[in-house]
Each structure stands twice: as structure tokens, then as C-alpha cells.
Protein backbone atom coordinates (compact mmCIF):
# COMPACT_ATOMS: atom_id res chain seq x y z
CA MET A 1 15.18 18.00 -16.99
CA THR A 2 13.21 20.52 -14.94
CA ILE A 3 13.52 20.00 -11.19
CA ASP A 4 10.60 21.13 -9.06
CA GLU A 5 11.33 19.12 -5.97
CA GLY A 6 11.96 19.49 -2.28
CA TYR A 7 10.39 22.90 -1.75
CA VAL A 8 7.55 23.14 0.76
CA LYS A 9 4.65 24.83 -1.02
CA TYR A 10 2.14 24.71 1.82
CA GLN A 11 2.03 26.74 5.05
CA SER A 12 4.11 24.70 7.48
CA PHE A 13 3.36 24.95 11.18
CA TRP A 14 6.25 22.98 12.64
CA THR A 15 6.87 22.25 16.31
CA LYS A 16 10.49 21.22 16.72
CA ALA A 17 10.64 18.40 19.26
CA PRO A 18 11.58 14.73 19.52
CA VAL A 19 9.36 12.80 17.13
CA PRO A 20 6.36 11.13 18.80
CA HIS A 21 5.90 7.37 18.27
CA ALA A 22 9.60 6.95 17.55
CA ALA A 23 9.21 3.17 17.19
CA ALA A 24 7.34 3.75 13.91
CA THR A 25 10.47 5.30 12.40
CA GLU A 26 12.21 1.92 12.61
CA GLU A 27 9.56 0.39 10.35
CA LEU A 28 9.85 3.32 7.97
CA GLU A 29 13.63 2.89 7.75
CA THR A 30 13.26 -0.87 7.18
CA TRP A 31 11.41 -0.19 3.93
CA ARG A 32 13.14 3.05 3.02
CA ARG A 33 16.48 1.23 2.90
CA PRO A 34 15.77 -0.93 -0.19
CA LEU A 35 14.07 2.02 -1.90
CA HIS A 36 17.18 4.14 -1.33
CA ALA A 37 19.47 1.30 -2.46
CA ALA A 38 17.44 1.04 -5.69
CA GLY A 39 17.86 4.77 -6.34
CA LEU A 40 14.13 5.40 -5.97
CA ILE A 41 14.77 7.67 -2.99
CA GLY A 42 17.92 9.74 -3.16
CA TYR A 43 19.63 12.98 -4.09
CA TYR A 44 20.20 14.96 -7.29
CA GLU A 45 23.82 16.01 -6.77
CA GLU A 46 23.82 18.41 -9.71
CA HIS A 47 20.86 20.28 -8.21
CA GLY A 48 21.60 19.76 -4.51
CA ILE A 49 18.06 18.49 -3.93
CA GLY A 50 16.78 15.31 -2.31
CA TYR A 51 13.86 13.32 -3.70
CA GLY A 52 11.42 10.67 -2.55
CA ASN A 53 9.51 10.18 0.69
CA ILE A 54 7.70 7.52 2.66
CA SER A 55 4.92 7.59 5.27
CA ILE A 56 2.78 5.42 7.53
CA ARG A 57 -0.43 6.01 9.48
CA CYS A 58 0.53 6.67 13.06
CA GLY A 59 -0.90 8.27 16.19
CA GLU A 60 -4.42 9.65 16.32
CA PRO A 61 -6.92 9.26 13.45
CA GLY A 62 -5.83 11.42 10.52
CA GLN A 63 -2.20 11.56 11.61
CA PHE A 64 0.79 9.99 9.87
CA MET A 65 4.57 9.76 10.16
CA ILE A 66 6.54 10.93 7.13
CA SER A 67 10.17 11.40 6.20
CA GLY A 68 11.47 14.93 6.66
CA THR A 69 12.01 17.42 3.89
CA GLN A 70 15.41 17.17 2.22
CA THR A 71 16.44 13.83 3.73
CA GLY A 72 16.89 12.00 0.41
CA HIS A 73 20.70 12.19 0.63
CA ILE A 74 20.77 10.27 3.92
CA GLU A 75 21.59 6.60 3.36
CA THR A 76 20.36 5.34 6.74
CA THR A 77 17.72 7.32 8.60
CA ASP A 78 16.73 7.27 12.26
CA LYS A 79 14.15 8.96 14.48
CA THR A 80 15.74 12.37 13.87
CA HIS A 81 14.73 12.28 10.19
CA TYR A 82 10.94 11.95 10.49
CA ALA A 83 7.99 14.11 11.49
CA LEU A 84 4.46 13.36 12.66
CA VAL A 85 1.80 15.25 10.71
CA THR A 86 -0.71 16.08 13.43
CA SER A 87 -3.29 18.01 11.39
CA TYR A 88 -3.74 19.63 8.01
CA GLY A 89 -6.14 21.62 5.86
CA ILE A 90 -5.77 20.66 2.22
CA HIS A 91 -7.68 23.56 0.71
CA PHE A 92 -6.26 25.94 3.29
CA ASN A 93 -2.84 24.74 2.07
CA ARG A 94 -1.71 24.11 5.66
CA VAL A 95 0.17 21.29 7.39
CA CYS A 96 0.96 21.05 11.10
CA CYS A 97 3.74 18.69 12.17
CA VAL A 98 5.97 17.86 15.12
CA GLY A 99 9.44 16.35 15.07
CA PRO A 100 13.16 17.12 14.73
CA VAL A 101 12.64 18.06 11.06
CA GLN A 102 9.82 19.52 8.99
CA ALA A 103 7.56 17.10 7.17
CA SER A 104 8.28 16.32 3.51
CA SER A 105 7.18 18.78 0.85
CA GLU A 106 4.82 16.02 -0.32
CA ALA A 107 2.99 15.81 3.03
CA MET A 108 -0.11 17.45 1.54
CA THR A 109 -0.37 14.78 -1.17
CA HIS A 110 0.07 11.99 1.39
CA ALA A 111 -2.68 13.51 3.54
CA ALA A 112 -5.08 13.60 0.59
CA ILE A 113 -4.43 9.96 -0.27
CA TYR A 114 -4.95 8.77 3.30
CA GLU A 115 -8.34 10.48 3.16
CA LEU A 116 -9.38 8.34 0.19
CA ASP A 117 -9.71 5.07 2.09
CA SER A 118 -9.21 4.12 5.74
CA ASN A 119 -7.55 0.89 4.57
CA ILE A 120 -4.61 2.83 3.10
CA GLY A 121 -1.91 2.42 5.72
CA ALA A 122 1.27 3.56 3.96
CA ILE A 123 2.41 5.66 0.99
CA VAL A 124 5.66 5.70 -0.98
CA HIS A 125 6.67 8.46 -3.40
CA VAL A 126 9.74 7.74 -5.52
CA HIS A 127 11.62 9.09 -8.53
CA SER A 128 12.81 7.22 -11.59
CA GLY A 129 13.23 8.83 -14.98
CA LYS A 130 13.29 5.47 -16.75
CA LEU A 131 10.11 4.19 -15.09
CA TRP A 132 8.38 7.56 -15.38
CA HIS A 133 8.86 7.71 -19.16
CA LYS A 134 7.86 4.07 -19.53
CA LEU A 135 4.72 4.22 -17.39
CA ILE A 136 3.30 7.71 -17.95
CA ASP A 137 -0.24 7.35 -19.31
CA ARG A 138 0.06 3.56 -18.98
CA LEU A 139 -0.54 3.68 -15.25
CA PRO A 140 -3.15 6.13 -13.87
CA THR A 141 -1.53 9.53 -14.44
CA THR A 142 -2.16 12.95 -12.93
CA ALA A 143 -2.64 15.96 -15.20
CA ALA A 144 0.57 17.44 -16.57
CA ASP A 145 -0.34 20.98 -15.49
CA VAL A 146 -0.71 20.07 -11.80
CA ALA A 147 2.38 20.49 -9.58
CA TYR A 148 3.34 18.41 -6.55
CA GLY A 149 2.53 19.51 -3.02
CA THR A 150 -0.53 21.58 -3.98
CA PRO A 151 -4.26 21.34 -3.25
CA GLN A 152 -4.74 20.71 -6.98
CA MET A 153 -2.60 17.57 -6.78
CA ALA A 154 -4.80 16.37 -3.92
CA ASP A 155 -7.82 16.82 -6.19
CA GLU A 156 -6.05 14.90 -8.96
CA PHE A 157 -5.50 11.86 -6.76
CA ARG A 158 -9.16 11.94 -5.74
CA ARG A 159 -10.03 11.90 -9.45
CA LEU A 160 -7.72 8.97 -10.13
CA PHE A 161 -9.12 7.02 -7.18
CA ARG A 162 -12.67 7.62 -8.40
CA ASP A 163 -12.23 7.13 -12.14
CA THR A 164 -9.23 4.83 -12.76
CA GLU A 165 -7.50 1.61 -11.69
CA PHE A 166 -5.59 3.58 -9.03
CA ARG A 167 -8.12 2.42 -6.41
CA ARG A 168 -7.27 -1.21 -7.19
CA THR A 169 -3.57 -1.08 -8.09
CA GLY A 170 -2.35 1.64 -5.74
CA LEU A 171 0.11 2.91 -8.37
CA ALA A 172 0.15 6.24 -10.20
CA VAL A 173 2.44 8.48 -12.22
CA MET A 174 2.67 12.23 -11.58
CA ALA A 175 2.86 13.82 -15.04
CA GLY A 176 3.38 17.32 -13.66
CA HIS A 177 6.15 16.19 -11.32
CA GLU A 178 8.93 14.87 -13.53
CA GLU A 179 10.13 11.36 -12.57
CA GLY A 180 7.51 11.12 -9.78
CA ILE A 181 5.71 7.83 -9.11
CA LEU A 182 3.50 7.09 -6.11
CA SER A 183 2.17 3.91 -4.50
CA PHE A 184 -0.02 3.08 -1.55
CA GLY A 185 -0.78 -0.11 0.36
CA THR A 186 -2.42 -1.42 3.49
CA ASN A 187 1.06 -1.45 5.05
CA LEU A 188 4.59 -0.34 4.23
CA GLU A 189 5.65 -3.71 2.87
CA GLU A 190 2.86 -3.64 0.30
CA ALA A 191 3.40 -0.01 -0.71
CA ALA A 192 7.18 -0.37 -1.05
CA THR A 193 7.05 -3.72 -2.82
CA LYS A 194 4.76 -2.30 -5.51
CA VAL A 195 7.36 0.20 -6.65
CA LEU A 196 10.34 -2.11 -6.11
CA ASP A 197 8.62 -4.63 -8.37
CA LEU A 198 8.43 -2.01 -11.12
CA LYS A 199 12.24 -2.06 -11.17
CA THR A 200 12.23 -5.84 -11.76
CA PRO A 201 10.34 -6.64 -14.97
CA PRO A 202 8.85 -10.12 -15.33
CA PRO A 203 10.83 -12.76 -17.31
CA GLY A 204 10.61 -12.17 -21.04
CA ASP A 205 9.62 -8.51 -20.69
């Protein structure tokens, strides 16, 4: 397995401060908890790298709260483990955030997906080798030569939203990001439930 995870590939302009809108972090933790318990967010011990992240629209238009980089190993998060993305430039490869930690390395991808539709209110990015191998090219799938956290990945999700069922289902596989699966929803419950349901196949499957 090739691990390309957890490293911030964009220019990060981080203001270290208490996270704004701290109440939103409680909602994020409510839905992060079952994702972590299911192993969809967690930590690769052999590589010393966390994986998975979760976000919600918050603050001014275009802003969102997201889990901090390298927080996958933390079983129960609190307001010290999240950052508010205040602005970004996808094709300038730049993210500005404020909080006790830097925004996730996937913040650029989350920003691009929020731009697709104002009704998208939350995004979940998880890892599962079993689901990834099962669902690659069965669900809408990004190109295998496109890495996470890059402007090119943002373009790929625009393509999927335009040309595939991703717009309707809110589920996609990241072929160039091994084990990576992403979901969106109008709220965190919807986004998280979509991926949790993938772990529970229907009777007779």
C-alpha cells in the first residue's frame, strides 16, 4: 500500500487562535465519533499518519469548519481539534484558516465541493481499503493520476458533479488517493450516514 496522506500540499496561511464558532465543533464530534468507531477515520500506526476528515459550512458565506490536520488518532475531539477555513484560492493553491490547529490537508477538496452547490452543507472523507476496492469504478471515481489536496482534484470533483451520479448520490471514490472515499450531504447526519451505510450491506448482499 502506498500512503500519500496527511501532508498539506497547498500554501497554508494559518492564524493560531481559539476556533471561531466553537459550538459547531460539538456537531462535528457527534458525527465524527461513529465514523472513528467504524475505522473510517483513524490512524495508520505503521506509518504514523492519521486519515479521514469531516467539515460543515460555518461562519460567513464560503467558510467552513474542518477537522485539523493529523487528528485521526484522536478518539474524542473537542474545539481544540478544528479550524475555520476563512478563505481560499483553489487555483492559487492557497488556504487561509484560523484555529488551534491547521486545517486538514483535504481542505482544498472540501472547498471545491462546497462551491458545487449551495445546498451542500457537510462533507465527510474517510478511508477503507475494503470499500475502496469494492466500489472503485462502481461509484463515481476520480482519475487515478490525480492526487488528493491539489487543484487537479478540485477539477475532478467538478467533472464528477457535472457528468456522473455524484450530483445525486453524494458519494465518490478517489482512485488516486488509495482507500479514499468522500460523501456530501445537506447536513452532517446525511453526509456521515451515507458512508456508514456503506459499511452495512443490505440483507442478502
